[in-house]
């Protein structure tokens, strides 16, 4: 097991805490020695250590691994009885193989554990599993979240789950299940139009069975038997617009028109756009078209107006605007509850502002974004939204295309920057 560090919140550590921390911080080698193992066992079970006589119940072992992974990691040792004596396991290789299978197939997202087998002079062998959490939160395949408190594991209550997820800010928020959603919350027309688009090449086995289709075909819901817990991705893609707003209000987008060149100008109109992504996409495009002209080519001469006091409407590249809208909708960092996505239309520019964890956007990272090299949030949502079958008409080329085409139309370089957990894109018109 590798050297690792843990942060302890207790001001005064118990002997068990101290023994485990000493073991983790002072381990000199990659593999666990017998001396180190004995030192660790003597401290007994704690928040970061669980002792098992044998691997007899895969479901409970899965829950224990998930609990450790959600509580900053830890170790499970097999072959130790309740009196802290070494009994060993009969088939260490088989135990290690089953533990690897559990971490790969029964935990979401899959874990890559560090497994070690330690032999003693008596011939007894124990197996140690070390958990390094890298992609929290983790859950069981049937959608249960666990954490470890002292020597006990506890399931995270559903009423506490949202608060806990907001605190740890999981990167893959699109896969978080929504326990209060039901089949009636989904737009059948949108869902089955998408599904029928694949009939010729890939017949849909669960056609017109919303729960089965989302669970088995799209992998956007979990639950065993009649349980149905759709993910955030399922709701924002295929949910009924009013239900999306009621169950996931942070998905709303504010679109506004200002009568000037920045946000300090007078507000002309503002709208809160709610609903699933298909509805939001169409509504935002319609709002922008009311105040801007969208074109594929740079105009040969400036637009004219009969009223000398009225400014002509700005022109923007149509594909650049559509891709910028899609980028804002798809790559939002849904973990943020209080940072709303906004689109501001000014006299000569459009600004797209999105919640996005600033971490990772160092100056070199900010430059790399211009070339399409970035961490892609919500890959499952992006894959569906970009498909022709979903009906969103997303152009190709991503952010590099937006930057290139907007500059070709306006002659002015677009601005891309991040600050205060916001990603901002400002494109100029002519």
Foldseek 3Di string as FASTA:
>chain_A
DAQDADDDPDPDDDQLRVQQRCLRHVPDDDADAPVSVLSNLVSPFWQAEAEEQAPDDLVVVLLVQLQQLQAQWHKYKYQADPVSDGRADDDLVVRVVSVQCCQVPFKPPRFDWDKHWYADPVGGIMIMITGGHDFDNMATQQQWGWHGHIRDIDTQDPVCVLVSCLVVQGQQQQQHWDQPDDPVQFDLVLVQLLQVVCCVPDNQPCRPPRQCCCVPPLVQWHHPDPRTTGGNLCCQQTGFFVSCCVRQVLLKEKEWEFAADDPVGHTDDMDIDTGHPLRSLVVVVVVVVVQAAEDQAADPDDDDDPDPVDDDGFYFHNLLVSLLSVCQNQQASSSDRPDHWYWYHYRWKIKTKGQAACPPCDVVNQVVVLVVDHDGGRPSSSVSCPDVSSPSPHDDDHNNVSQVRLCNRAVDGWDWDDDPRMTMTMGTTD
